[in-house]
Amino acid sequence: MQDRFKICGGKLDSFEGTHVVLVDDVVTTAATLNECAKVLYDAGARIISYATFGRAHASGDRL
């Protein structure tokens, strides 16, 4: 997932100091959320929250 996301349209300064909420339906490895958060943080966002509706089972989960 590295370098798959970028801020387009020269709007980098529009994220300066903002709180951004990323929404994803199911988190498997969190690679997508983490890469998006990195790009947003580099663009100036200071608080990045995740909202998800489900999580895939991890190998250590008790079922």
PDB file of N, CA and C in Angstrom:
ATOM      1  N   MET A   1       0.798  -1.195   0.000  1.00  0.00           N
ATOM      2  CA  MET A   1       0.000   0.000   0.000  1.00  0.00           C
ATOM      3  C   MET A   1       0.847   1.268   0.000  1.00  0.00           C
ATOM      4  N   GLN A   2       2.116   1.161   0.208  1.00  0.00           N
ATOM      5  CA  GLN A   2       2.948   2.355   0.314  1.00  0.00           C
ATOM      6  C   GLN A   2       2.902   3.166  -0.979  1.00  0.00           C
ATOM      7  N   ASP A   3       2.744   4.469  -0.843  1.00  0.00           N
ATOM      8  CA  ASP A   3       2.716   5.430  -1.954  1.00  0.00           C
ATOM      9  C   ASP A   3       1.544   5.221  -2.911  1.00  0.00           C
ATOM     10  N   ARG A   4       0.437   4.662  -2.435  1.00  0.00           N
ATOM     11  CA  ARG A   4      -0.748   4.452  -3.271  1.00  0.00           C
ATOM     12  C   ARG A   4      -1.717   5.630  -3.216  1.00  0.00           C
ATOM     13  N   PHE A   5      -1.591   6.489  -2.219  1.00  0.00           N
ATOM     14  CA  PHE A   5      -2.528   7.593  -2.036  1.00  0.00           C
ATOM     15  C   PHE A   5      -1.789   8.915  -2.065  1.00  0.00           C
ATOM     16  N   LYS A   6      -2.458   9.962  -2.562  1.00  0.00           N
ATOM     17  CA  LYS A   6      -1.877  11.303  -2.563  1.00  0.00           C
ATOM     18  C   LYS A   6      -2.999  12.331  -2.539  1.00  0.00           C
ATOM     19  N   ILE A   7      -2.653  13.536  -2.105  1.00  0.00           N
ATOM     20  CA  ILE A   7      -3.587  14.658  -2.115  1.00  0.00           C
ATOM     21  C   ILE A   7      -3.494  15.305  -3.492  1.00  0.00           C
ATOM     22  N   CYS A   8      -4.601  15.409  -4.187  1.00  0.00           N
ATOM     23  CA  CYS A   8      -4.614  15.944  -5.552  1.00  0.00           C
ATOM     24  C   CYS A   8      -5.124  17.380  -5.588  1.00  0.00           C
ATOM     25  N   GLY A   9      -4.816  18.052  -6.652  1.00  0.00           N
ATOM     26  CA  GLY A   9      -5.392  19.367  -6.910  1.00  0.00           C
ATOM     27  C   GLY A   9      -4.757  20.509  -6.149  1.00  0.00           C
ATOM     28  N   GLY A  10      -3.547  20.338  -5.627  1.00  0.00           N
ATOM     29  CA  GLY A  10      -2.876  21.431  -4.931  1.00  0.00           C
ATOM     30  C   GLY A  10      -3.569  21.880  -3.667  1.00  0.00           C
ATOM     31  N   LYS A  11      -4.292  21.002  -3.005  1.00  0.00           N
ATOM     32  CA  LYS A  11      -5.073  21.348  -1.816  1.00  0.00           C
ATOM     33  C   LYS A  11      -4.361  20.956  -0.519  1.00  0.00           C
ATOM     34  N   LEU A  12      -3.053  20.820  -0.535  1.00  0.00           N
ATOM     35  CA  LEU A  12      -2.327  20.370   0.646  1.00  0.00           C
ATOM     36  C   LEU A  12      -2.596  21.229   1.868  1.00  0.00           C
ATOM     37  N   ASP A  13      -2.663  22.545   1.705  1.00  0.00           N
ATOM     38  CA  ASP A  13      -2.832  23.428   2.859  1.00  0.00           C
ATOM     39  C   ASP A  13      -4.242  23.377   3.442  1.00  0.00           C
ATOM     40  N   SER A  14      -5.201  22.788   2.722  1.00  0.00           N
ATOM     41  CA  SER A  14      -6.565  22.731   3.242  1.00  0.00           C
ATOM     42  C   SER A  14      -6.715  21.736   4.396  1.00  0.00           C
ATOM     43  N   PHE A  15      -5.710  20.902   4.648  1.00  0.00           N
ATOM     44  CA  PHE A  15      -5.759  19.946   5.748  1.00  0.00           C
ATOM     45  C   PHE A  15      -5.008  20.438   6.988  1.00  0.00           C
ATOM     46  N   GLU A  16      -4.369  21.567   6.903  1.00  0.00           N
ATOM     47  CA  GLU A  16      -3.543  22.084   7.993  1.00  0.00           C
ATOM     48  C   GLU A  16      -4.333  22.198   9.294  1.00  0.00           C
ATOM     49  N   GLY A  17      -3.896  21.435  10.314  1.00  0.00           N
ATOM     50  CA  GLY A  17      -4.487  21.494  11.640  1.00  0.00           C
ATOM     51  C   GLY A  17      -5.866  20.859  11.784  1.00  0.00           C
ATOM     52  N   THR A  18      -6.315  20.097  10.800  1.00  0.00           N
ATOM     53  CA  THR A  18      -7.668  19.556  10.830  1.00  0.00           C
ATOM     54  C   THR A  18      -7.772  18.217  11.567  1.00  0.00           C
ATOM     55  N   HIS A  19      -8.999  17.859  11.880  1.00  0.00           N
ATOM     56  CA  HIS A  19      -9.342  16.541  12.417  1.00  0.00           C
ATOM     57  C   HIS A  19     -10.081  15.818  11.301  1.00  0.00           C
ATOM     58  N   VAL A  20      -9.509  14.720  10.825  1.00  0.00           N
ATOM     59  CA  VAL A  20     -10.075  13.957   9.714  1.00  0.00           C
ATOM     60  C   VAL A  20     -10.556  12.612  10.245  1.00  0.00           C
ATOM     61  N   VAL A  21     -11.738  12.188   9.804  1.00  0.00           N
ATOM     62  CA  VAL A  21     -12.258  10.866  10.166  1.00  0.00           C
ATOM     63  C   VAL A  21     -12.288  10.010   8.904  1.00  0.00           C
ATOM     64  N   LEU A  22     -11.558   8.899   8.929  1.00  0.00           N
ATOM     65  CA  LEU A  22     -11.564   7.935   7.826  1.00  0.00           C
ATOM     66  C   LEU A  22     -12.586   6.849   8.144  1.00  0.00           C
ATOM     67  N   VAL A  23     -13.425   6.501   7.174  1.00  0.00           N
ATOM     68  CA  VAL A  23     -14.455   5.482   7.366  1.00  0.00           C
ATOM     69  C   VAL A  23     -14.146   4.313   6.442  1.00  0.00           C
ATOM     70  N   ASP A  24     -14.151   3.111   7.011  1.00  0.00           N
ATOM     71  CA  ASP A  24     -13.907   1.894   6.243  1.00  0.00           C
ATOM     72  C   ASP A  24     -14.913   0.846   6.695  1.00  0.00           C
ATOM     73  N   ASP A  25     -15.387   0.034   5.774  1.00  0.00           N
ATOM     74  CA  ASP A  25     -16.398  -0.955   6.141  1.00  0.00           C
ATOM     75  C   ASP A  25     -15.808  -2.081   6.994  1.00  0.00           C
ATOM     76  N   VAL A  26     -14.714  -2.692   6.544  1.00  0.00           N
ATOM     77  CA  VAL A  26     -14.094  -3.789   7.285  1.00  0.00           C
ATOM     78  C   VAL A  26     -12.591  -3.585   7.292  1.00  0.00           C
ATOM     79  N   VAL A  27     -11.985  -3.690   8.455  1.00  0.00           N
ATOM     80  CA  VAL A  27     -10.533  -3.585   8.576  1.00  0.00           C
ATOM     81  C   VAL A  27      -9.957  -4.993   8.576  1.00  0.00           C
ATOM     82  N   THR A  28      -9.033  -5.234   7.682  1.00  0.00           N
ATOM     83  CA  THR A  28      -8.356  -6.529   7.648  1.00  0.00           C
ATOM     84  C   THR A  28      -6.968  -6.370   8.251  1.00  0.00           C
ATOM     85  N   THR A  29      -6.071  -5.670   7.550  1.00  0.00           N
ATOM     86  CA  THR A  29      -4.715  -5.441   8.070  1.00  0.00           C
ATOM     87  C   THR A  29      -4.496  -3.999   8.501  1.00  0.00           C
ATOM     88  N   ALA A  30      -5.423  -3.116   8.181  1.00  0.00           N
ATOM     89  CA  ALA A  30      -5.341  -1.670   8.451  1.00  0.00           C
ATOM     90  C   ALA A  30      -4.314  -0.969   7.570  1.00  0.00           C
ATOM     91  N   ALA A  31      -3.780  -1.653   6.567  1.00  0.00           N
ATOM     92  CA  ALA A  31      -2.786  -1.045   5.687  1.00  0.00           C
ATOM     93  C   ALA A  31      -3.357   0.158   4.936  1.00  0.00           C
ATOM     94  N   THR A  32      -4.588   0.044   4.450  1.00  0.00           N
ATOM     95  CA  THR A  32      -5.215   1.145   3.717  1.00  0.00           C
ATOM     96  C   THR A  32      -5.422   2.349   4.632  1.00  0.00           C
ATOM     97  N   LEU A  33      -5.987   2.121   5.809  1.00  0.00           N
ATOM     98  CA  LEU A  33      -6.215   3.219   6.751  1.00  0.00           C
ATOM     99  C   LEU A  33      -4.907   3.872   7.165  1.00  0.00           C
ATOM    100  N   ASN A  34      -3.894   3.073   7.437  1.00  0.00           N
ATOM    101  CA  ASN A  34      -2.606   3.618   7.872  1.00  0.00           C
ATOM    102  C   ASN A  34      -1.930   4.430   6.779  1.00  0.00           C
ATOM    103  N   GLU A  35      -1.997   3.980   5.542  1.00  0.00           N
ATOM    104  CA  GLU A  35      -1.389   4.735   4.443  1.00  0.00           C
ATOM    105  C   GLU A  35      -2.138   6.039   4.201  1.00  0.00           C
ATOM    106  N   CYS A  36      -3.464   5.997   4.236  1.00  0.00           N
ATOM    107  CA  CYS A  36      -4.247   7.237   4.097  1.00  0.00           C
ATOM    108  C   CYS A  36      -3.924   8.207   5.226  1.00  0.00           C
ATOM    109  N   ALA A  37      -3.828   7.698   6.435  1.00  0.00           N
ATOM    110  CA  ALA A  37      -3.509   8.547   7.587  1.00  0.00           C
ATOM    111  C   ALA A  37      -2.136   9.187   7.427  1.00  0.00           C
ATOM    112  N   LYS A  38      -1.178   8.442   6.926  1.00  0.00           N
ATOM    113  CA  LYS A  38       0.175   8.986   6.721  1.00  0.00           C
ATOM    114  C   LYS A  38       0.136  10.154   5.734  1.00  0.00           C
ATOM    115  N   VAL A  39      -0.580   9.978   4.631  1.00  0.00           N
ATOM    116  CA  VAL A  39      -0.670  11.036   3.619  1.00  0.00           C
ATOM    117  C   VAL A  39      -1.367  12.265   4.203  1.00  0.00           C
ATOM    118  N   LEU A  40      -2.445  12.062   4.937  1.00  0.00           N
ATOM    119  CA  LEU A  40      -3.161  13.179   5.548  1.00  0.00           C
ATOM    120  C   LEU A  40      -2.313  13.885   6.603  1.00  0.00           C
ATOM    121  N   TYR A  41      -1.577  13.118   7.400  1.00  0.00           N
ATOM    122  CA  TYR A  41      -0.700  13.720   8.412  1.00  0.00           C
ATOM    123  C   TYR A  41       0.391  14.546   7.738  1.00  0.00           C
ATOM    124  N   ASP A  42       0.973  14.009   6.683  1.00  0.00           N
ATOM    125  CA  ASP A  42       2.003  14.746   5.941  1.00  0.00           C
ATOM    126  C   ASP A  42       1.442  16.010   5.307  1.00  0.00           C
ATOM    127  N   ALA A  43       0.118  16.027   5.033  1.00  0.00           N
ATOM    128  CA  ALA A  43      -0.533  17.201   4.448  1.00  0.00           C
ATOM    129  C   ALA A  43      -0.974  18.203   5.512  1.00  0.00           C
ATOM    130  N   GLY A  44      -0.717  17.887   6.791  1.00  0.00           N
ATOM    131  CA  GLY A  44      -1.008  18.854   7.841  1.00  0.00           C
ATOM    132  C   GLY A  44      -2.097  18.477   8.808  1.00  0.00           C
ATOM    133  N   ALA A  45      -2.842  17.411   8.544  1.00  0.00           N
ATOM    134  CA  ALA A  45      -3.882  16.985   9.493  1.00  0.00           C
ATOM    135  C   ALA A  45      -3.218  16.600  10.808  1.00  0.00           C
ATOM    136  N   ARG A  46      -3.813  16.974  11.921  1.00  0.00           N
ATOM    137  CA  ARG A  46      -3.196  16.709  13.217  1.00  0.00           C
ATOM    138  C   ARG A  46      -3.918  15.641  14.018  1.00  0.00           C
ATOM    139  N   ILE A  47      -5.178  15.413  13.743  1.00  0.00           N
ATOM    140  CA  ILE A  47      -5.916  14.330  14.404  1.00  0.00           C
ATOM    141  C   ILE A  47      -6.555  13.504  13.297  1.00  0.00           C
ATOM    142  N   ILE A  48      -6.286  12.211  13.302  1.00  0.00           N
ATOM    143  CA  ILE A  48      -6.854  11.314  12.307  1.00  0.00           C
ATOM    144  C   ILE A  48      -7.512  10.160  13.049  1.00  0.00           C
ATOM    145  N   SER A  49      -8.823  10.034  12.883  1.00  0.00           N
ATOM    146  CA  SER A  49      -9.587   8.992  13.556  1.00  0.00           C
ATOM    147  C   SER A  49     -10.094   7.996  12.523  1.00  0.00           C
ATOM    148  N   TYR A  50     -10.308   6.766  12.971  1.00  0.00           N
ATOM    149  CA  TYR A  50     -10.871   5.721  12.115  1.00  0.00           C
ATOM    150  C   TYR A  50     -12.245   5.342  12.639  1.00  0.00           C
ATOM    151  N   ALA A  51     -13.187   5.136  11.727  1.00  0.00           N
ATOM    152  CA  ALA A  51     -14.486   4.563  12.072  1.00  0.00           C
ATOM    153  C   ALA A  51     -14.673   3.356  11.173  1.00  0.00           C
ATOM    154  N   THR A  52     -14.871   2.196  11.787  1.00  0.00           N
ATOM    155  CA  THR A  52     -15.045   0.976  11.003  1.00  0.00           C
ATOM    156  C   THR A  52     -16.284   0.228  11.484  1.00  0.00           C
ATOM    157  N   PHE A  53     -16.781  -0.624  10.633  1.00  0.00           N
ATOM    158  CA  PHE A  53     -17.986  -1.375  10.943  1.00  0.00           C
ATOM    159  C   PHE A  53     -17.704  -2.833  11.242  1.00  0.00           C
ATOM    160  N   GLY A  54     -16.502  -3.259  10.979  1.00  0.00           N
ATOM    161  CA  GLY A  54     -16.144  -4.644  11.243  1.00  0.00           C
ATOM    162  C   GLY A  54     -14.643  -4.835  11.148  1.00  0.00           C
ATOM    163  N   ARG A  55     -14.183  -5.960  11.657  1.00  0.00           N
ATOM    164  CA  ARG A  55     -12.765  -6.270  11.608  1.00  0.00           C
ATOM    165  C   ARG A  55     -12.626  -7.745  11.276  1.00  0.00           C
ATOM    166  N   ALA A  56     -11.733  -8.041  10.364  1.00  0.00           N
ATOM    167  CA  ALA A  56     -11.471  -9.434  10.026  1.00  0.00           C
ATOM    168  C   ALA A  56     -10.768 -10.100  11.202  1.00  0.00           C
ATOM    169  N   HIS A  57     -10.976 -11.396  11.368  1.00  0.00           N
ATOM    170  CA  HIS A  57     -10.349 -12.132  12.450  1.00  0.00           C
ATOM    171  C   HIS A  57      -8.834 -12.136  12.292  1.00  0.00           C
ATOM    172  N   ALA A  58      -8.140 -11.848  13.366  1.00  0.00           N
ATOM    173  CA  ALA A  58      -6.683 -11.946  13.380  1.00  0.00           C
ATOM    174  C   ALA A  58      -6.305 -13.343  13.872  1.00  0.00           C
ATOM    175  N   SER A  59      -5.075 -13.742  13.602  1.00  0.00           N
ATOM    176  CA  SER A  59      -4.651 -15.113  13.939  1.00  0.00           C
ATOM    177  C   SER A  59      -4.724 -15.390  15.443  1.00  0.00           C
ATOM    178  N   GLY A  60      -4.583 -14.376  16.283  1.00  0.00           N
ATOM    179  CA  GLY A  60      -4.610 -14.590  17.726  1.00  0.00           C
ATOM    180  C   GLY A  60      -5.982 -14.442  18.370  1.00  0.00           C
ATOM    181  N   ASP A  61      -6.997 -14.150  17.576  1.00  0.00           N
ATOM    182  CA  ASP A  61      -8.345 -13.957  18.114  1.00  0.00           C
ATOM    183  C   ASP A  61      -8.930 -15.272  18.640  1.00  0.00           C
ATOM    184  N   ARG A  62      -9.654 -15.164  19.730  1.00  0.00           N
ATOM    185  CA  ARG A  62     -10.442 -16.300  20.194  1.00  0.00           C
ATOM    186  C   ARG A  62     -11.793 -16.240  19.516  1.00  0.00           C
ATOM    187  N   LEU A  63     -12.205 -17.327  18.969  1.00  0.00           N
ATOM    188  CA  LEU A  63     -13.496 -17.340  18.266  1.00  0.00           C
ATOM    189  C   LEU A  63     -14.575 -17.985  19.079  1.00  0.00           C
TER     190      LEU A  63
END
